Amino acid sequence: MKTIFRCFGLFFTLFMLISCGTQRKASKAITSTFKDSLYFEQAFAGLAIYDPVEKKMLYTHNADKYFTPASNTKLLTFYTGLTVLGDSVPALKYHVSGDSLIFRGTGDPSLLNPDLPTSKIMDFLRYRRECLFYEVPNYTETYFGPGWSWDDYDSYYTVERVAYPIYANRATFTQGDTVKIPKAYPNFYQKDLILDSLNLRKTARLSRKMTENGFFYQSAVRDTAFRQEVPIKYSPHLFVEVLADTLKKEVGLIREFKKFKGEEKTLYSIPSDSLYKRMLKVSDNFLAEQVLLLSSGVLADTLKTRIAIDYMKENAFKQLPDEPQWVDGSGLSRYNLETPRNMIKILEMITEKIPLEKLLDLLPVGGESGTLKNYYSADVPYIFAKTGSLSNNHSLSGFIMTKSGRTLIFSFMNSNYTVSTSSLKKGMEGILLKIRDNY
């Protein structure tokens, strides 16, 4: 028996030596790639690989340097939601005064949002017998975040953050290949279409006026069916108009928030997980911003992004290796800065909140879903991660499944590159495959 154990011990030691040797060779190869590859030659790249079982960093390259995280910022937002919000999203605050039901927004983005499960809000408002009044909440935020690109105001990914969104704060236009005029959803915005027959806007896509809801289109039959989402210019008055038009009943507007001294109730709308899944899978900027506003409303009586950020920095994120430079929920701002080792720690903290299996289901999967559907394909998926992209900046942070059976946490961040992002991803894929096959 002793001989058997001795042989097993020798075999295990030999296996570990071979494994460590293979890992060291892979690490050297990765370092050489960063040094010599055209993909990374003139750029600034950072990589951290961490084993959450051994609680050990396996490889680092500029892991303590700051990068523009872009939508990797949504991982901080996600952790905020897990920490502050419960299982369900608070939809609205309300109280009854005489024959009036007065309600106010919480930042909930689910009202008539076609990308989310059906909310309880519409039925609640539709079947109330009281007169409806929307009270503007204590909302002190600007419609765009600090450092956002102002000229993207009518691009689908730059939706205004507001106290109470409706229809995801956008108008969706579709046009078949046999008609000349787009059809608006909701139909409320059909009246706001403006013919641009001379193409004065110099674009084939629909475009919006900067300060109001006028949507320019060209009177032409398109070769193929067409669909475009355009952010709306929001106001509390517009919210009331659109809601009343949908409900087919009057909705009044109370512009000044006054703290109610009596009993105020909260209506909950959809499971929080459904919000997080879309936010992470397709990198929905609008939902990310609203998650921070929702969180601020739970922490205080004011909807303000900074409240949620300051709370998390003072409490949960004190344990990060480096102080996060964090200003918005989506990562649209270039003022955000994070280090790869920060992203590793945040992912590890998330796994302490929810089971890994559930987390992997929320994240994009290489070659299969979300923002990774067309990248990192393999017979067996090995990348489950959040992407983040702005011009000349691209990050990928999440989990990699190795052939040896380990589940490692990684953060791969790139800034200031001048090659195409598709080329950069090829270089990243080569390194990620080395990790999969050798760690």
Protein backbone atom coordinates (compact mmCIF):
# COMPACT_ATOMS: atom_id res chain seq x y z
CA MET A 1 0.00 0.00 0.00
CA LYS A 2 2.84 2.39 0.86
CA THR A 3 4.37 1.63 -2.54
CA ILE A 4 1.11 2.54 -4.26
CA PHE A 5 0.86 5.86 -2.42
CA ARG A 6 4.52 6.58 -3.13
CA CYS A 7 3.96 5.92 -6.86
CA PHE A 8 0.86 8.07 -6.87
CA GLY A 9 2.77 10.88 -5.15
CA LEU A 10 5.57 10.69 -7.71
CA PHE A 11 3.06 10.68 -10.55
CA PHE A 12 1.22 13.71 -9.13
CA THR A 13 4.50 15.59 -8.62
CA LEU A 14 5.57 14.79 -12.18
CA PHE A 15 2.18 15.92 -13.50
CA MET A 16 2.42 19.21 -11.63
CA LEU A 17 5.95 19.86 -12.89
CA ILE A 18 4.87 19.23 -16.47
CA SER A 19 1.79 21.40 -16.00
CA CYS A 20 3.80 24.25 -14.49
CA GLY A 21 6.35 23.98 -17.25
CA THR A 22 3.64 24.16 -19.91
CA GLN A 23 2.10 27.16 -18.18
CA ARG A 24 5.45 28.96 -17.97
CA LYS A 25 6.03 28.41 -21.70
CA ALA A 26 2.57 29.77 -22.46
CA SER A 27 3.21 32.81 -20.27
CA LYS A 28 6.47 33.54 -22.10
CA ALA A 29 4.69 33.13 -25.44
CA ILE A 30 2.00 35.60 -24.37
CA THR A 31 4.62 38.15 -23.26
CA SER A 32 6.41 37.74 -26.60
CA THR A 33 3.14 38.30 -28.43
CA PHE A 34 2.56 41.58 -26.60
CA LYS A 35 6.11 42.65 -27.49
CA ASP A 36 6.35 41.53 -31.12
CA SER A 37 2.82 41.28 -32.58
CA LEU A 38 1.67 44.00 -34.97
CA TYR A 39 -1.71 43.90 -33.22
CA PHE A 40 -0.23 45.25 -29.99
CA GLU A 41 3.01 46.90 -31.16
CA GLN A 42 1.90 50.53 -30.98
CA ALA A 43 -1.03 50.05 -28.61
CA PHE A 44 -1.30 49.84 -24.84
CA ALA A 45 -2.49 46.44 -23.63
CA GLY A 46 -3.13 44.91 -20.22
CA LEU A 47 -3.98 41.37 -19.17
CA ALA A 48 -4.64 39.64 -15.87
CA ILE A 49 -5.41 35.94 -15.39
CA TYR A 50 -6.63 34.75 -12.01
CA ASP A 51 -7.46 31.38 -10.48
CA PRO A 52 -10.40 31.92 -8.09
CA VAL A 53 -9.95 28.46 -6.53
CA GLU A 54 -6.29 28.95 -5.63
CA LYS A 55 -6.86 32.70 -5.03
CA LYS A 56 -3.79 33.29 -7.14
CA MET A 57 -2.86 35.59 -10.03
CA LEU A 58 -1.41 33.38 -12.78
CA TYR A 59 -0.27 36.02 -15.24
CA THR A 60 -0.14 39.81 -15.41
CA HIS A 61 0.83 42.32 -18.05
CA ASN A 62 0.20 45.98 -17.15
CA ALA A 63 -2.48 44.73 -14.78
CA ASP A 64 -2.01 47.74 -12.48
CA LYS A 65 -2.32 50.33 -15.27
CA TYR A 66 -5.51 52.28 -16.00
CA PHE A 67 -7.45 51.75 -19.24
CA THR A 68 -10.68 53.12 -20.70
CA PRO A 69 -13.05 50.26 -19.86
CA ALA A 70 -15.98 51.30 -22.08
CA SER A 71 -18.83 48.86 -21.45
CA ASN A 72 -16.78 46.82 -19.00
CA THR A 73 -18.09 49.55 -16.69
CA LYS A 74 -21.41 47.68 -16.76
CA LEU A 75 -19.85 45.06 -14.48
CA LEU A 76 -19.57 47.73 -11.76
CA THR A 77 -23.16 48.72 -12.47
CA PHE A 78 -24.24 45.08 -12.31
CA TYR A 79 -22.61 44.61 -8.93
CA THR A 80 -24.32 47.80 -7.72
CA GLY A 81 -27.70 46.38 -8.72
CA LEU A 82 -26.94 43.09 -6.97
CA THR A 83 -25.96 44.99 -3.83
CA VAL A 84 -28.69 47.63 -3.66
CA LEU A 85 -31.73 46.36 -5.56
CA GLY A 86 -33.76 43.34 -4.54
CA ASP A 87 -35.13 40.52 -6.68
CA SER A 88 -37.69 42.82 -8.32
CA VAL A 89 -37.39 46.29 -9.85
CA PRO A 90 -39.23 49.10 -8.03
CA ALA A 91 -41.53 50.47 -10.72
CA LEU A 92 -43.14 53.52 -9.15
CA LYS A 93 -43.95 55.20 -5.86
CA TYR A 94 -47.58 56.20 -5.33
CA HIS A 95 -50.19 57.42 -2.89
CA VAL A 96 -53.89 58.18 -3.04
CA SER A 97 -55.18 61.63 -2.18
CA GLY A 98 -58.97 61.92 -2.39
CA ASP A 99 -60.02 60.86 -5.88
CA SER A 100 -56.47 61.14 -7.25
CA LEU A 101 -53.67 58.61 -7.58
CA ILE A 102 -50.34 60.41 -7.61
CA PHE A 103 -47.34 58.42 -8.82
CA ARG A 104 -43.72 59.22 -9.53
CA GLY A 105 -40.85 57.56 -11.33
CA THR A 106 -38.06 55.50 -9.81
CA GLY A 107 -35.86 55.21 -12.89
CA ASP A 108 -37.47 51.87 -13.85
CA PRO A 109 -36.89 51.29 -17.60
CA SER A 110 -39.50 48.53 -18.04
CA LEU A 111 -42.59 50.61 -18.86
CA LEU A 112 -43.66 49.51 -22.37
CA ASN A 113 -40.08 48.45 -23.11
CA PRO A 114 -40.26 45.89 -25.97
CA ASP A 115 -36.92 44.36 -24.94
CA LEU A 116 -38.03 43.42 -21.41
CA PRO A 117 -40.76 41.22 -19.92
CA THR A 118 -44.22 42.78 -19.66
CA SER A 119 -44.33 45.11 -16.69
CA LYS A 120 -47.16 45.30 -14.13
CA ILE A 121 -47.29 49.07 -14.47
CA MET A 122 -49.74 49.39 -17.38
CA ASP A 123 -52.40 47.17 -15.86
CA PHE A 124 -52.00 48.94 -12.55
CA LEU A 125 -52.57 52.37 -14.12
CA ARG A 126 -55.18 51.25 -16.62
CA TYR A 127 -57.59 49.79 -14.08
CA ARG A 128 -57.30 52.35 -11.30
CA ARG A 129 -60.52 54.29 -10.77
CA GLU A 130 -58.78 57.40 -9.44
CA CYS A 131 -57.67 60.28 -11.63
CA LEU A 132 -54.01 59.76 -12.56
CA PHE A 133 -51.33 62.35 -11.89
CA TYR A 134 -47.64 61.91 -12.63
CA GLU A 135 -45.45 63.77 -10.14
CA VAL A 136 -41.93 64.57 -11.32
CA PRO A 137 -39.58 63.00 -8.74
CA ASN A 138 -36.57 64.62 -7.13
CA TYR A 139 -34.38 64.19 -10.22
CA THR A 140 -31.23 66.28 -10.51
CA GLU A 141 -29.41 64.47 -13.32
CA THR A 142 -28.46 65.74 -16.78
CA TYR A 143 -29.85 63.78 -19.73
CA PHE A 144 -26.33 62.80 -20.88
CA GLY A 145 -23.54 61.59 -18.64
CA PRO A 146 -20.22 63.40 -18.16
CA GLY A 147 -17.84 62.80 -21.04
CA TRP A 148 -20.46 61.44 -23.45
CA SER A 149 -20.10 62.26 -27.12
CA TRP A 150 -22.77 64.90 -27.81
CA ASP A 151 -22.93 64.26 -31.59
CA ASP A 152 -24.19 60.71 -31.00
CA TYR A 153 -27.47 62.11 -29.65
CA ASP A 154 -29.62 60.33 -32.27
CA SER A 155 -27.68 57.06 -32.37
CA TYR A 156 -29.44 54.00 -30.96
CA TYR A 157 -26.79 53.48 -28.26
CA THR A 158 -27.07 56.99 -26.76
CA VAL A 159 -30.48 57.10 -25.09
CA GLU A 160 -31.16 59.86 -22.59
CA ARG A 161 -31.20 58.84 -18.94
CA VAL A 162 -34.38 60.01 -17.23
CA ALA A 163 -36.52 59.60 -14.11
CA TYR A 164 -39.25 57.58 -15.80
CA PRO A 165 -38.64 56.16 -19.29
CA ILE A 166 -41.43 54.99 -21.58
CA TYR A 167 -41.08 52.74 -24.64
CA ALA A 168 -37.36 52.51 -23.79
CA ASN A 169 -37.05 56.25 -24.54
CA ARG A 170 -36.90 55.64 -28.26
CA ALA A 171 -38.98 55.65 -31.41
CA THR A 172 -38.62 52.66 -33.72
CA PHE A 173 -39.14 53.16 -37.44
CA THR A 174 -39.75 50.36 -39.92
CA GLN A 175 -40.15 50.60 -43.67
CA GLY A 176 -41.01 47.78 -46.04
CA ASP A 177 -39.43 47.48 -49.47
CA THR A 178 -42.60 48.66 -51.24
CA VAL A 179 -43.44 51.86 -49.32
CA LYS A 180 -41.92 55.33 -49.16
CA ILE A 181 -42.90 56.43 -45.65
CA PRO A 182 -41.57 54.72 -42.51
CA LYS A 183 -43.98 53.52 -39.84
CA ALA A 184 -43.35 54.69 -36.27
CA TYR A 185 -43.65 52.67 -33.08
CA PRO A 186 -45.26 53.85 -30.95
CA ASN A 187 -47.61 55.46 -33.46
CA PHE A 188 -47.47 58.65 -31.36
CA TYR A 189 -44.31 59.70 -33.25
CA GLN A 190 -45.77 59.23 -36.75
CA LYS A 191 -46.79 62.90 -36.73
CA ASP A 192 -43.17 63.91 -36.09
CA LEU A 193 -41.77 62.50 -39.36
CA ILE A 194 -40.29 65.18 -41.63
CA LEU A 195 -39.67 64.63 -45.34
CA ASP A 196 -36.06 65.25 -46.42
CA SER A 197 -36.47 64.64 -50.14
CA LEU A 198 -33.28 66.56 -51.05
CA ASN A 199 -31.22 64.65 -48.46
CA LEU A 200 -30.13 67.86 -46.79
CA ARG A 201 -29.15 65.81 -43.74
CA LYS A 202 -26.65 63.92 -45.94
CA THR A 203 -27.60 60.50 -44.65
CA ALA A 204 -29.72 57.57 -45.82
CA ARG A 205 -30.69 56.78 -42.23
CA LEU A 206 -33.33 58.57 -40.24
CA SER A 207 -32.01 61.40 -38.13
CA ARG A 208 -33.50 63.51 -35.36
CA LYS A 209 -33.41 67.19 -34.61
CA MET A 210 -31.02 67.80 -31.74
CA THR A 211 -33.37 69.57 -29.32
CA GLU A 212 -36.78 68.18 -30.28
CA ASN A 213 -38.58 65.19 -31.68
CA GLY A 214 -38.53 65.80 -35.42
CA PHE A 215 -37.40 62.75 -37.43
CA PHE A 216 -36.08 63.28 -40.96
CA TYR A 217 -36.59 60.61 -43.65
CA GLN A 218 -36.17 60.36 -47.41
CA SER A 219 -39.14 59.63 -49.65
CA ALA A 220 -37.77 56.59 -51.46
CA VAL A 221 -38.50 52.90 -51.75
CA ARG A 222 -35.62 51.04 -50.18
CA ASP A 223 -34.10 47.91 -51.70
CA THR A 224 -34.70 45.95 -48.51
CA ALA A 225 -36.90 46.24 -45.44
CA PHE A 226 -35.55 48.83 -43.04
CA ARG A 227 -35.61 49.21 -39.24
CA GLN A 228 -34.03 51.89 -37.09
CA GLU A 229 -34.25 52.90 -33.44
CA VAL A 230 -33.87 56.60 -32.69
CA PRO A 231 -33.61 58.02 -29.14
CA ILE A 232 -36.28 60.57 -28.29
CA LYS A 233 -35.84 63.99 -26.74
CA TYR A 234 -37.49 63.40 -23.36
CA SER A 235 -39.46 65.65 -21.06
CA PRO A 236 -41.98 64.97 -18.27
CA HIS A 237 -44.65 66.59 -20.46
CA LEU A 238 -43.85 64.18 -23.30
CA PHE A 239 -43.96 61.25 -20.88
CA VAL A 240 -47.48 62.20 -19.80
CA GLU A 241 -48.61 62.70 -23.41
CA VAL A 242 -47.31 59.31 -24.56
CA LEU A 243 -48.66 57.50 -21.50
CA ALA A 244 -52.11 59.08 -21.90
CA ASP A 245 -52.12 58.23 -25.60
CA THR A 246 -51.34 54.59 -24.80
CA LEU A 247 -53.75 54.27 -21.86
CA LYS A 248 -56.53 56.14 -23.69
CA LYS A 249 -57.23 58.08 -20.52
CA GLU A 250 -56.12 61.40 -19.08
CA VAL A 251 -52.92 61.72 -17.07
CA GLY A 252 -52.15 64.95 -15.24
CA LEU A 253 -48.69 66.37 -14.55
CA ILE A 254 -47.37 67.68 -11.23
CA ARG A 255 -44.07 69.38 -12.01
CA GLU A 256 -42.84 70.04 -8.48
CA PHE A 257 -41.89 67.19 -6.18
CA LYS A 258 -43.16 67.47 -2.61
CA LYS A 259 -42.29 64.80 -0.11
CA PHE A 260 -45.51 63.03 0.92
CA LYS A 261 -46.00 62.92 4.71
CA GLY A 262 -48.44 60.03 4.69
CA GLU A 263 -48.15 56.42 3.59
CA GLU A 264 -46.46 55.98 0.22
CA LYS A 265 -46.45 52.60 -1.49
CA THR A 266 -44.08 51.00 -4.00
CA LEU A 267 -45.20 48.95 -6.99
CA TYR A 268 -42.66 46.44 -8.33
CA SER A 269 -42.46 45.58 -12.01
CA ILE A 270 -40.14 42.86 -13.37
CA PRO A 271 -37.47 40.49 -11.99
CA SER A 272 -34.14 42.28 -11.67
CA ASP A 273 -32.38 39.39 -13.44
CA SER A 274 -34.25 40.10 -16.67
CA LEU A 275 -32.88 43.63 -16.57
CA TYR A 276 -29.30 42.48 -15.96
CA LYS A 277 -29.39 39.80 -18.64
CA ARG A 278 -30.18 42.20 -21.46
CA MET A 279 -27.84 44.85 -20.04
CA LEU A 280 -24.92 42.40 -20.14
CA LYS A 281 -25.76 40.25 -23.18
CA VAL A 282 -26.26 43.04 -25.72
CA SER A 283 -24.51 45.76 -23.71
CA ASP A 284 -27.60 47.96 -23.39
CA ASN A 285 -26.34 51.40 -22.35
CA PHE A 286 -29.79 52.73 -21.52
CA LEU A 287 -30.54 49.94 -19.04
CA ALA A 288 -27.17 50.37 -17.35
CA GLU A 289 -27.79 54.06 -16.72
CA GLN A 290 -31.24 53.35 -15.32
CA VAL A 291 -29.87 50.68 -12.96
CA LEU A 292 -27.74 53.33 -11.23
CA LEU A 293 -30.70 55.71 -11.05
CA LEU A 294 -32.86 52.93 -9.58
CA SER A 295 -30.14 52.23 -7.02
CA SER A 296 -29.86 55.89 -6.05
CA GLY A 297 -33.61 55.96 -5.48
CA VAL A 298 -33.32 53.08 -3.04
CA LEU A 299 -30.42 54.72 -1.20
CA ALA A 300 -31.92 58.22 -1.05
CA ASP A 301 -34.98 60.24 -2.08
CA THR A 302 -33.12 61.68 -5.08
CA LEU A 303 -32.47 60.06 -8.45
CA LYS A 304 -28.84 60.86 -9.17
CA THR A 305 -26.15 58.59 -10.58
CA ARG A 306 -23.46 60.02 -8.30
CA ILE A 307 -25.34 58.87 -5.20
CA ALA A 308 -25.07 55.21 -6.22
CA ILE A 309 -21.46 55.55 -7.40
CA ASP A 310 -20.30 57.29 -4.21
CA TYR A 311 -22.06 54.71 -2.04
CA MET A 312 -20.41 51.80 -3.84
CA LYS A 313 -16.96 53.42 -3.83
CA GLU A 314 -17.22 54.16 -0.12
CA ASN A 315 -18.45 50.67 0.76
CA ALA A 316 -18.21 47.68 -1.59
CA PHE A 317 -15.39 48.91 -3.82
CA LYS A 318 -13.05 49.89 -0.99
CA GLN A 319 -11.53 46.42 -1.40
CA LEU A 320 -10.49 46.98 -5.02
CA PRO A 321 -6.70 47.07 -5.62
CA ASP A 322 -6.96 50.46 -7.34
CA GLU A 323 -9.39 53.33 -6.85
CA PRO A 324 -11.97 53.19 -9.67
CA GLN A 325 -12.38 56.29 -11.81
CA TRP A 326 -16.10 55.84 -12.38
CA VAL A 327 -18.65 58.38 -13.61
CA ASP A 328 -21.55 56.62 -15.37
CA GLY A 329 -23.41 53.34 -15.58
CA SER A 330 -22.87 52.36 -19.21
CA GLY A 331 -19.24 53.17 -19.93
CA LEU A 332 -20.06 55.70 -22.66
CA SER A 333 -17.82 58.21 -20.90
CA ARG A 334 -14.09 58.33 -21.56
CA TYR A 335 -13.66 59.68 -18.04
CA ASN A 336 -14.04 56.12 -16.72
CA LEU A 337 -10.74 54.39 -15.95
CA GLU A 338 -10.15 50.88 -14.59
CA THR A 339 -7.25 48.46 -14.23
CA PRO A 340 -7.33 44.79 -15.30
CA ARG A 341 -6.78 43.71 -11.70
CA ASN A 342 -9.77 45.83 -10.64
CA MET A 343 -11.94 44.04 -13.18
CA ILE A 344 -10.70 40.66 -11.88
CA LYS A 345 -11.67 41.60 -8.34
CA ILE A 346 -15.10 42.88 -9.38
CA LEU A 347 -15.83 39.62 -11.20
CA GLU A 348 -14.74 37.64 -8.17
CA MET A 349 -17.03 39.77 -5.98
CA ILE A 350 -19.93 39.11 -8.34
CA THR A 351 -19.42 35.34 -8.01
CA GLU A 352 -19.80 35.79 -4.26
CA LYS A 353 -23.26 37.30 -4.86
CA ILE A 354 -24.66 34.80 -7.37
CA PRO A 355 -23.75 31.23 -8.42
CA LEU A 356 -21.23 30.96 -11.25
CA GLU A 357 -23.63 28.94 -13.41
CA LYS A 358 -26.24 31.70 -13.21
CA LEU A 359 -23.64 34.39 -13.93
CA LEU A 360 -22.40 32.58 -17.03
CA ASP A 361 -25.97 32.51 -18.33
CA LEU A 362 -26.17 36.31 -18.04
CA LEU A 363 -22.91 36.97 -19.93
CA PRO A 364 -22.26 36.89 -23.69
CA VAL A 365 -20.83 33.53 -24.85
CA GLY A 366 -18.06 33.30 -27.46
CA GLY A 367 -19.47 32.18 -30.82
CA GLU A 368 -22.99 31.83 -29.44
CA SER A 369 -24.71 34.87 -27.95
CA GLY A 370 -24.82 38.60 -27.35
CA THR A 371 -21.89 40.81 -28.27
CA LEU A 372 -19.63 37.72 -28.63
CA LYS A 373 -21.85 35.83 -31.07
CA ASN A 374 -19.45 36.40 -33.99
CA TYR A 375 -16.18 36.04 -32.06
CA TYR A 376 -14.17 33.37 -30.22
CA SER A 377 -16.06 30.45 -31.75
CA ALA A 378 -15.14 26.92 -30.69
CA ASP A 379 -16.71 23.46 -30.66
CA VAL A 380 -16.97 23.87 -26.90
CA PRO A 381 -17.55 27.49 -25.79
CA TYR A 382 -14.66 28.72 -23.68
CA ILE A 383 -15.23 32.49 -23.34
CA PHE A 384 -18.00 33.95 -21.16
CA ALA A 385 -17.29 37.65 -20.86
CA LYS A 386 -18.40 41.28 -21.04
CA THR A 387 -17.15 43.32 -23.96
CA GLY A 388 -16.39 47.04 -23.95
CA SER A 389 -15.69 49.16 -27.02
CA LEU A 390 -15.15 52.82 -27.81
CA SER A 391 -13.06 54.17 -30.67
CA ASN A 392 -9.46 52.93 -30.19
CA ASN A 393 -10.40 51.15 -26.95
CA HIS A 394 -11.56 47.57 -26.48
CA SER A 395 -11.81 45.42 -23.36
CA LEU A 396 -12.97 41.90 -22.57
CA SER A 397 -13.41 40.72 -18.98
CA GLY A 398 -14.97 37.50 -17.76
CA PHE A 399 -14.32 33.78 -17.54
CA ILE A 400 -12.29 31.36 -19.63
CA MET A 401 -12.74 27.57 -19.46
CA THR A 402 -9.40 25.82 -19.95
CA LYS A 403 -8.87 22.35 -21.39
CA SER A 404 -7.43 21.25 -18.05
CA GLY A 405 -10.84 21.87 -16.47
CA ARG A 406 -10.15 25.16 -14.70
CA THR A 407 -12.47 28.16 -14.73
CA LEU A 408 -10.24 31.23 -14.71
CA ILE A 409 -11.13 34.90 -14.43
CA PHE A 410 -9.45 37.20 -16.93
CA SER A 411 -9.44 40.84 -17.95
CA PHE A 412 -7.94 41.86 -21.29
CA MET A 413 -7.87 45.64 -21.82
CA ASN A 414 -6.61 47.65 -24.80
CA SER A 415 -6.32 51.39 -25.33
CA ASN A 416 -4.90 53.70 -27.99
CA TYR A 417 -4.62 51.12 -30.78
CA THR A 418 -4.81 52.20 -34.41
CA VAL A 419 -5.41 48.85 -36.10
CA SER A 420 -9.01 47.84 -36.76
CA THR A 421 -10.88 46.38 -33.82
CA SER A 422 -11.48 43.18 -35.81
CA SER A 423 -7.71 42.82 -36.26
CA LEU A 424 -7.11 43.47 -32.58
CA LYS A 425 -9.62 40.75 -31.69
CA LYS A 426 -7.65 38.27 -33.82
CA GLY A 427 -4.58 39.06 -31.74
CA MET A 428 -6.59 38.71 -28.55
CA GLU A 429 -8.01 35.39 -29.71
CA GLY A 430 -4.53 33.98 -30.22
CA ILE A 431 -3.61 34.82 -26.63
CA LEU A 432 -6.91 33.55 -25.22
CA LEU A 433 -6.43 30.23 -27.03
CA LYS A 434 -2.99 29.91 -25.44
CA ILE A 435 -4.62 30.37 -22.06
CA ARG A 436 -7.36 27.86 -22.82
CA ASP A 437 -4.93 25.21 -24.04
CA ASN A 438 -2.08 25.61 -21.55
CA TYR A 439 -3.38 26.79 -18.18
